[in-house]
């Protein structure tokens, strides 16, 4: 019976590791999107500076650029919101899996402790019988 839980524990640990890896991937995606937003900000500042240096040509092209950049930024913000929602769900799922893993692990520890107590009690009983037998032979 004790071996059965060890297999379940091993599976739950593997499952937990997989969920941690998935969460890590989502966190890397989030960081990439944040960096993309920061890059858009820098690009927008640089384009605005360039547009002010050449007022006639820059004014015409900057307007078109600003509209396209705003659309790209909004799309990245939508992706970021979606990834953050996925991260929250992954964290909840990871917490639930960890709780289940610990439940099995604690149950196994309790079983092992009870098994050890039983073995020690049997060993003590055998020693008591040996001592009693020796005492009878002497007496």
C-alpha atoms as a PDB file:
ATOM      1  CA  UNK A   1       0.000   0.000   0.000  1.00  0.00           C
ATOM      2  CA  UNK A   2       2.827   2.435   0.813  1.00  0.00           C
ATOM      3  CA  UNK A   3       4.392   1.924  -2.615  1.00  0.00           C
ATOM      4  CA  UNK A   4       1.158   3.046  -4.318  1.00  0.00           C
ATOM      5  CA  UNK A   5       1.456   6.554  -2.899  1.00  0.00           C
ATOM      6  CA  UNK A   6       5.086   6.823  -3.941  1.00  0.00           C
ATOM      7  CA  UNK A   7       4.038   6.412  -7.574  1.00  0.00           C
ATOM      8  CA  UNK A   8       1.297   9.008  -7.160  1.00  0.00           C
ATOM      9  CA  UNK A   9       3.753  11.370  -5.461  1.00  0.00           C
ATOM     10  CA  UNK A  10       6.243  10.943  -8.285  1.00  0.00           C
ATOM     11  CA  UNK A  11       3.501  11.703 -10.839  1.00  0.00           C
ATOM     12  CA  UNK A  12       2.266  14.739  -8.886  1.00  0.00           C
ATOM     13  CA  UNK A  13       5.836  16.066  -8.620  1.00  0.00           C
ATOM     14  CA  UNK A  14       6.296  15.695 -12.382  1.00  0.00           C
ATOM     15  CA  UNK A  15       2.949  17.422 -12.943  1.00  0.00           C
ATOM     16  CA  UNK A  16       3.973  20.222 -10.581  1.00  0.00           C
ATOM     17  CA  UNK A  17       7.276  20.694 -12.434  1.00  0.00           C
ATOM     18  CA  UNK A  18       5.419  20.888 -15.767  1.00  0.00           C
ATOM     19  CA  UNK A  19       3.090  23.546 -14.390  1.00  0.00           C
ATOM     20  CA  UNK A  20       6.059  25.520 -13.070  1.00  0.00           C
ATOM     21  CA  UNK A  21       7.668  25.385 -16.518  1.00  0.00           C
ATOM     22  CA  UNK A  22       4.431  26.550 -18.159  1.00  0.00           C
ATOM     23  CA  UNK A  23       4.152  29.428 -15.691  1.00  0.00           C
ATOM     24  CA  UNK A  24       7.776  30.364 -16.391  1.00  0.00           C
ATOM     25  CA  UNK A  25       7.025  30.481 -20.115  1.00  0.00           C
ATOM     26  CA  UNK A  26       4.025  32.732 -19.511  1.00  0.00           C
ATOM     27  CA  UNK A  27       6.142  35.029 -17.339  1.00  0.00           C
ATOM     28  CA  UNK A  28       8.771  35.228 -20.112  1.00  0.00           C
ATOM     29  CA  UNK A  29       6.005  36.087 -22.593  1.00  0.00           C
ATOM     30  CA  UNK A  30       4.769  38.808 -20.259  1.00  0.00           C
ATOM     31  CA  UNK A  31       8.278  40.251 -19.979  1.00  0.00           C
ATOM     32  CA  UNK A  32       8.664  40.221 -23.765  1.00  0.00           C
ATOM     33  CA  UNK A  33       5.411  42.130 -24.192  1.00  0.00           C
ATOM     34  CA  UNK A  34       6.415  44.670 -21.539  1.00  0.00           C
ATOM     35  CA  UNK A  35       9.715  45.179 -23.342  1.00  0.00           C
ATOM     36  CA  UNK A  36       7.827  45.622 -26.628  1.00  0.00           C
ATOM     37  CA  UNK A  37       5.687  48.343 -25.035  1.00  0.00           C
ATOM     38  CA  UNK A  38       8.803  50.081 -23.735  1.00  0.00           C
ATOM     39  CA  UNK A  39      10.305  49.862 -27.206  1.00  0.00           C
ATOM     40  CA  UNK A  40       7.164  51.427 -28.704  1.00  0.00           C
ATOM     41  CA  UNK A  41       7.491  54.319 -26.258  1.00  0.00           C
ATOM     42  CA  UNK A  42      11.117  54.900 -27.235  1.00  0.00           C
ATOM     43  CA  UNK A  43      10.244  54.637 -30.923  1.00  0.00           C
ATOM     44  CA  UNK A  44       7.408  57.125 -30.542  1.00  0.00           C
ATOM     45  CA  UNK A  45       9.700  59.615 -28.792  1.00  0.00           C
ATOM     46  CA  UNK A  46      12.376  59.214 -31.469  1.00  0.00           C
ATOM     47  CA  UNK A  47       9.844  59.608 -34.295  1.00  0.00           C
ATOM     48  CA  UNK A  48       8.359  62.692 -32.643  1.00  0.00           C
ATOM     49  CA  UNK A  49      11.825  64.226 -32.375  1.00  0.00           C
ATOM     50  CA  UNK A  50      12.531  63.409 -36.004  1.00  0.00           C
ATOM     51  CA  UNK A  51       9.186  64.881 -37.058  1.00  0.00           C
ATOM     52  CA  UNK A  52       9.897  68.174 -35.263  1.00  0.00           C
ATOM     53  CA  UNK A  53      13.248  68.507 -37.037  1.00  0.00           C
ATOM     54  CA  UNK A  54      11.583  68.406 -40.452  1.00  0.00           C
ATOM     55  CA  UNK A  55       8.212  70.022 -39.829  1.00  0.00           C
ATOM     56  CA  UNK A  56       6.717  69.708 -43.350  1.00  0.00           C
ATOM     57  CA  UNK A  57       7.660  66.134 -44.224  1.00  0.00           C
ATOM     58  CA  UNK A  58       7.683  64.943 -40.607  1.00  0.00           C
ATOM     59  CA  UNK A  59       4.204  66.291 -39.916  1.00  0.00           C
ATOM     60  CA  UNK A  60       2.737  64.302 -42.768  1.00  0.00           C
ATOM     61  CA  UNK A  61       4.494  61.030 -42.017  1.00  0.00           C
ATOM     62  CA  UNK A  62       4.324  61.266 -38.234  1.00  0.00           C
ATOM     63  CA  UNK A  63       0.524  61.345 -38.208  1.00  0.00           C
ATOM     64  CA  UNK A  64       0.344  58.119 -40.189  1.00  0.00           C
ATOM     65  CA  UNK A  65       3.075  56.566 -38.062  1.00  0.00           C
ATOM     66  CA  UNK A  66       1.337  57.606 -34.818  1.00  0.00           C
ATOM     67  CA  UNK A  67      -1.947  55.998 -35.865  1.00  0.00           C
ATOM     68  CA  UNK A  68      -0.207  52.725 -36.811  1.00  0.00           C
ATOM     69  CA  UNK A  69       1.936  52.776 -33.663  1.00  0.00           C
ATOM     70  CA  UNK A  70      -1.136  53.353 -31.497  1.00  0.00           C
ATOM     71  CA  UNK A  71      -2.885  50.363 -33.112  1.00  0.00           C
ATOM     72  CA  UNK A  72       0.192  48.178 -32.567  1.00  0.00           C
ATOM     73  CA  UNK A  73       0.470  49.341 -28.978  1.00  0.00           C
ATOM     74  CA  UNK A  74      -3.194  48.594 -28.301  1.00  0.00           C
ATOM     75  CA  UNK A  75      -2.761  45.106 -29.758  1.00  0.00           C
ATOM     76  CA  UNK A  76       0.266  44.442 -27.551  1.00  0.00           C
ATOM     77  CA  UNK A  77      -1.647  45.722 -24.526  1.00  0.00           C
ATOM     78  CA  UNK A  78      -4.478  43.294 -25.338  1.00  0.00           C
ATOM     79  CA  UNK A  79      -1.960  40.438 -25.592  1.00  0.00           C
ATOM     80  CA  UNK A  80      -0.393  41.539 -22.321  1.00  0.00           C
ATOM     81  CA  UNK A  81      -3.778  41.551 -20.570  1.00  0.00           C
ATOM     82  CA  UNK A  82      -4.486  38.066 -21.958  1.00  0.00           C
ATOM     83  CA  UNK A  83      -1.100  36.740 -20.835  1.00  0.00           C
ATOM     84  CA  UNK A  84      -1.579  38.229 -17.369  1.00  0.00           C
ATOM     85  CA  UNK A  85      -4.944  36.488 -17.119  1.00  0.00           C
ATOM     86  CA  UNK A  86      -3.299  33.221 -18.167  1.00  0.00           C
ATOM     87  CA  UNK A  87      -0.557  33.803 -15.574  1.00  0.00           C
ATOM     88  CA  UNK A  88      -3.154  34.244 -12.843  1.00  0.00           C
ATOM     89  CA  UNK A  89      -4.921  31.039 -13.876  1.00  0.00           C
ATOM     90  CA  UNK A  90      -1.588  29.186 -14.067  1.00  0.00           C
ATOM     91  CA  UNK A  91      -0.643  30.388 -10.582  1.00  0.00           C
ATOM     92  CA  UNK A  92      -3.977  29.201  -9.179  1.00  0.00           C
ATOM     93  CA  UNK A  93      -3.562  25.851 -10.932  1.00  0.00           C
ATOM     94  CA  UNK A  94       0.008  25.547  -9.638  1.00  0.00           C
ATOM     95  CA  UNK A  95      -1.121  26.322  -6.083  1.00  0.00           C
ATOM     96  CA  UNK A  96      -3.841  23.662  -6.311  1.00  0.00           C
ATOM     97  CA  UNK A  97      -1.387  21.100  -7.684  1.00  0.00           C
ATOM     98  CA  UNK A  98       1.104  21.910  -4.928  1.00  0.00           C
ATOM     99  CA  UNK A  99      -1.607  21.451  -2.314  1.00  0.00           C
ATOM    100  CA  UNK A 100      -2.514  18.040  -3.762  1.00  0.00           C
ATOM    101  CA  UNK A 101       1.156  17.057  -3.966  1.00  0.00           C
ATOM    102  CA  UNK A 102       1.749  17.977  -0.312  1.00  0.00           C
ATOM    103  CA  UNK A 103      -1.391  16.075   0.741  1.00  0.00           C
ATOM    104  CA  UNK A 104      -0.037  12.873  -0.801  1.00  0.00           C
ATOM    105  CA  UNK A 105       3.446  13.532   0.520  1.00  0.00           C
ATOM    106  CA  UNK A 106       2.180  14.024   4.075  1.00  0.00           C
ATOM    107  CA  UNK A 107      -0.021  10.934   3.816  1.00  0.00           C
ATOM    108  CA  UNK A 108       3.014   8.925   2.714  1.00  0.00           C
ATOM    109  CA  UNK A 109       5.091  10.276   5.604  1.00  0.00           C
ATOM    110  CA  UNK A 110       2.320   9.278   8.032  1.00  0.00           C
ATOM    111  CA  UNK A 111       2.150   5.791   6.528  1.00  0.00           C
ATOM    112  CA  UNK A 112       5.931   5.426   6.733  1.00  0.00           C
ATOM    113  CA  UNK A 113       5.897   6.571  10.365  1.00  0.00           C
ATOM    114  CA  UNK A 114       3.133   4.088  11.259  1.00  0.00           C
ATOM    115  CA  UNK A 115       4.956   1.281   9.446  1.00  0.00           C
ATOM    116  CA  UNK A 116       8.133   2.094  11.379  1.00  0.00           C
ATOM    117  CA  UNK A 117       6.215   2.062  14.677  1.00  0.00           C
ATOM    118  CA  UNK A 118       4.769  -1.350  13.810  1.00  0.00           C
ATOM    119  CA  UNK A 119       8.210  -2.749  12.944  1.00  0.00           C
ATOM    120  CA  UNK A 120       9.698  -1.347  16.146  1.00  0.00           C
ATOM    121  CA  UNK A 121       6.828  -2.788  18.191  1.00  0.00           C
ATOM    122  CA  UNK A 122       7.325  -6.225  16.590  1.00  0.00           C
ATOM    123  CA  UNK A 123      11.075  -6.030  17.211  1.00  0.00           C
ATOM    124  CA  UNK A 124      10.489  -5.029  20.838  1.00  0.00           C
ATOM    125  CA  UNK A 125       7.997  -7.866  21.294  1.00  0.00           C
ATOM    126  CA  UNK A 126      10.551 -10.341  19.893  1.00  0.00           C
ATOM    127  CA  UNK A 127      13.229  -8.986  22.251  1.00  0.00           C
ATOM    128  CA  UNK A 128      10.820  -9.226  25.196  1.00  0.00           C
ATOM    129  CA  UNK A 129      10.083 -12.861  24.357  1.00  0.00           C
ATOM    130  CA  UNK A 130      13.802 -13.633  24.126  1.00  0.00           C
ATOM    131  CA  UNK A 131      14.405 -11.946  27.477  1.00  0.00           C
ATOM    132  CA  UNK A 132      11.494 -13.824  29.035  1.00  0.00           C
ATOM    133  CA  UNK A 133      12.790 -17.132  27.664  1.00  0.00           C
ATOM    134  CA  UNK A 134      16.281 -16.434  29.046  1.00  0.00           C
ATOM    135  CA  UNK A 135      14.799 -15.480  32.412  1.00  0.00           C
ATOM    136  CA  UNK A 136      12.775 -18.719  32.572  1.00  0.00           C
ATOM    137  CA  UNK A 137      15.827 -20.828  31.761  1.00  0.00           C
ATOM    138  CA  UNK A 138      17.838 -19.183  34.515  1.00  0.00           C
ATOM    139  CA  UNK A 139      15.114 -19.542  37.084  1.00  0.00           C
END
